[in-house]
Protein backbone atom coordinates (compact mmCIF):
# COMPACT_ATOMS: atom_id res chain seq x y z
CA MET A 1 0.00 0.00 0.00
CA SER A 2 1.30 3.47 -0.80
CA GLU A 3 1.00 6.70 1.14
CA ARG A 4 0.49 10.19 -0.26
CA LEU A 5 2.43 13.06 1.34
CA PRO A 6 2.65 16.79 0.63
CA ALA A 7 5.95 17.79 -0.98
CA THR A 8 7.43 21.17 -1.88
CA VAL A 9 10.18 21.87 -4.39
CA LEU A 10 12.61 24.19 -2.59
CA LEU A 11 15.07 24.86 -5.38
CA LEU A 12 16.94 23.38 -8.31
CA VAL A 13 20.65 22.61 -8.15
CA GLY A 14 21.90 21.68 -11.61
CA ASP A 15 19.88 18.69 -12.75
CA GLN A 16 18.55 17.93 -9.23
CA ALA A 17 15.57 19.32 -7.33
CA GLU A 18 15.60 19.63 -3.55
CA ILE A 19 12.25 18.61 -2.12
CA THR A 20 10.83 18.74 1.39
CA THR A 21 8.27 16.33 2.80
CA PRO A 22 6.92 15.88 6.32
CA SER A 23 9.80 13.51 7.06
CA ARG A 24 12.56 15.52 5.28
CA ASP A 25 12.79 19.25 6.01
CA HIS A 26 14.98 21.95 4.48
CA THR A 27 18.03 20.80 6.44
CA ASP A 28 17.95 17.36 4.77
CA PRO A 29 15.81 17.55 1.61
CA GLU A 30 15.21 14.73 -0.84
CA ARG A 31 17.10 15.10 -4.11
CA VAL A 32 15.20 14.12 -7.24
CA PRO A 33 16.18 14.52 -10.90
CA VAL A 34 14.51 17.57 -12.47
CA GLU A 35 13.75 15.51 -15.60
CA ARG A 36 11.74 13.06 -13.49
CA LEU A 37 9.63 15.84 -11.97
CA GLU A 38 9.02 17.39 -15.38
CA ARG A 39 7.90 14.01 -16.77
CA GLU A 40 5.71 13.01 -13.82
CA THR A 41 4.06 16.38 -13.11
CA GLY A 42 4.03 18.02 -16.54
CA LEU A 43 5.57 21.16 -15.03
CA SER A 44 8.41 22.84 -16.89
CA ARG A 45 11.76 23.41 -15.17
CA ASP A 46 11.08 27.12 -14.62
CA ARG A 47 7.79 26.32 -12.81
CA LEU A 48 9.25 23.74 -10.40
CA PRO A 49 10.84 25.95 -7.70
CA GLY A 50 8.15 26.56 -5.08
CA ALA A 51 5.76 24.01 -6.60
CA GLU A 52 3.46 22.18 -4.20
CA LEU A 53 3.32 18.50 -5.11
CA VAL A 54 2.06 15.19 -3.78
CA ALA A 55 4.66 12.46 -3.27
CA VAL A 56 3.45 8.88 -3.54
CA VAL A 57 5.57 6.81 -1.15
CA GLY A 58 5.90 3.03 -1.18
CA ASP A 59 5.91 0.76 1.86
CA ASP A 60 9.70 0.91 2.01
CA GLY A 61 9.71 4.73 2.08
CA GLU A 62 10.79 5.05 -1.56
CA LEU A 63 9.34 7.99 -3.48
CA LEU A 64 7.43 6.19 -6.23
CA ARG A 65 6.15 9.20 -8.14
CA PHE A 66 5.14 12.85 -7.89
CA GLU A 67 1.85 14.48 -8.85
CA ARG A 68 0.58 18.04 -8.90
CA ALA A 69 -1.14 18.93 -5.65
């Protein structure tokens, strides 16, 4: 069973996006490829910083996919 959590794109660093979730704050953000976020959400690179998303998390805590909130 998967869980859905709020996620926010803090900023982009090269080809990686730094993302916060309830379990990972700004001091230890998740890093996700920008290309993956563009593909999964349909948002362009310039619209990602500050974007509010939904992270679908698997049973093992892995981020399975991202959706627009």
